[in-house]
Protein backbone atom coordinates (compact mmCIF):
# COMPACT_ATOMS: atom_id res chain seq x y z
CA MET A 1 126.26 75.46 19.36
CA LEU A 2 127.22 72.17 17.87
CA ARG A 3 130.89 71.48 18.80
CA ASP A 4 131.45 67.90 17.65
CA SER A 5 133.87 68.31 14.68
CA SER A 6 132.73 64.88 13.29
CA ILE A 7 129.38 66.55 12.45
CA ILE A 8 130.11 70.02 11.14
CA SER A 9 133.00 72.21 10.55
CA ALA A 10 133.63 75.79 9.45
CA SER A 11 136.81 77.13 7.87
CA PRO A 12 137.42 80.31 5.84
CA GLU A 13 139.05 78.11 3.14
CA ILE A 14 135.93 76.04 2.66
CA MET A 15 132.79 77.72 1.35
CA GLY A 16 133.95 81.01 2.92
CA GLY A 17 133.45 79.72 6.42
CA THR A 18 129.83 78.44 6.05
CA PRO A 19 129.14 75.51 8.34
CA VAL A 20 129.49 72.34 6.33
CA PHE A 21 129.26 68.65 7.14
CA THR A 22 132.79 67.64 8.06
CA GLY A 23 134.79 66.18 5.23
CA THR A 24 132.44 67.74 2.59
CA ARG A 25 131.67 71.08 1.03
CA VAL A 26 127.93 70.55 1.69
CA PRO A 27 126.51 73.36 3.85
CA VAL A 28 124.38 72.31 6.81
CA GLN A 29 121.80 74.86 5.60
CA THR A 30 121.21 72.72 2.55
CA LEU A 31 119.88 69.86 4.73
CA LEU A 32 117.62 72.35 6.55
CA ASP A 33 116.33 73.72 3.17
CA TYR A 34 115.54 70.18 2.09
CA LEU A 35 113.66 69.34 5.21
CA LYS A 36 111.81 72.65 5.21
CA ALA A 37 110.70 71.93 1.61
CA GLY A 38 109.27 68.59 2.72
CA GLU A 39 112.06 66.51 1.25
CA SER A 40 113.22 63.38 3.09
CA ILE A 41 116.68 62.66 4.47
CA ASP A 42 117.00 59.96 1.82
CA ASP A 43 116.28 62.66 -0.83
CA PHE A 44 119.09 64.79 0.66
CA LEU A 45 121.52 61.86 0.87
CA ASP A 46 120.84 60.96 -2.76
CA GLY A 47 121.74 64.48 -3.83
CA PHE A 48 124.72 64.76 -1.55
CA PRO A 49 126.42 61.29 -1.31
CA THR A 50 129.47 62.74 0.40
CA VAL A 51 127.34 63.25 3.56
CA THR A 52 126.62 60.13 5.50
CA ARG A 53 123.30 59.18 7.21
CA GLU A 54 125.20 59.04 10.46
CA GLN A 55 126.29 62.70 10.10
CA VAL A 56 122.67 63.75 9.31
CA ILE A 57 121.23 61.86 12.29
CA ALA A 58 124.00 63.04 14.66
CA LEU A 59 123.33 66.70 13.56
CA LEU A 60 119.56 66.33 14.18
CA GLU A 61 120.01 64.56 17.57
CA GLU A 62 122.40 67.29 18.70
CA ALA A 63 120.12 70.10 17.51
CA GLY A 64 117.21 68.44 19.24
CA LYS A 65 119.08 68.26 22.51
CA GLN A 66 119.93 71.97 22.22
CA VAL A 67 116.39 72.96 21.51
CA ILE A 68 115.11 70.92 24.52
CA GLY A 69 117.86 72.37 26.73
CA MET A 70 116.68 75.84 25.85
CA VAL A 71 113.19 75.24 27.10
CA ALA A 72 113.95 73.07 29.99
């Protein structure tokens, strides 16, 4: 589970507890939906300018580490 609060946060007061990019109201699931649909990170960032490229990259790097750790 991602624990770096600079990447994602969840609070009942923000989007009903849905995990969002910290400092925004943009659900992490929205990025995943964009990528699943074949959209680019740039497309996502254009649509959600409150999310930084650094947050997206950090999220993907951490998720990648966790996936690799699961199979290693």
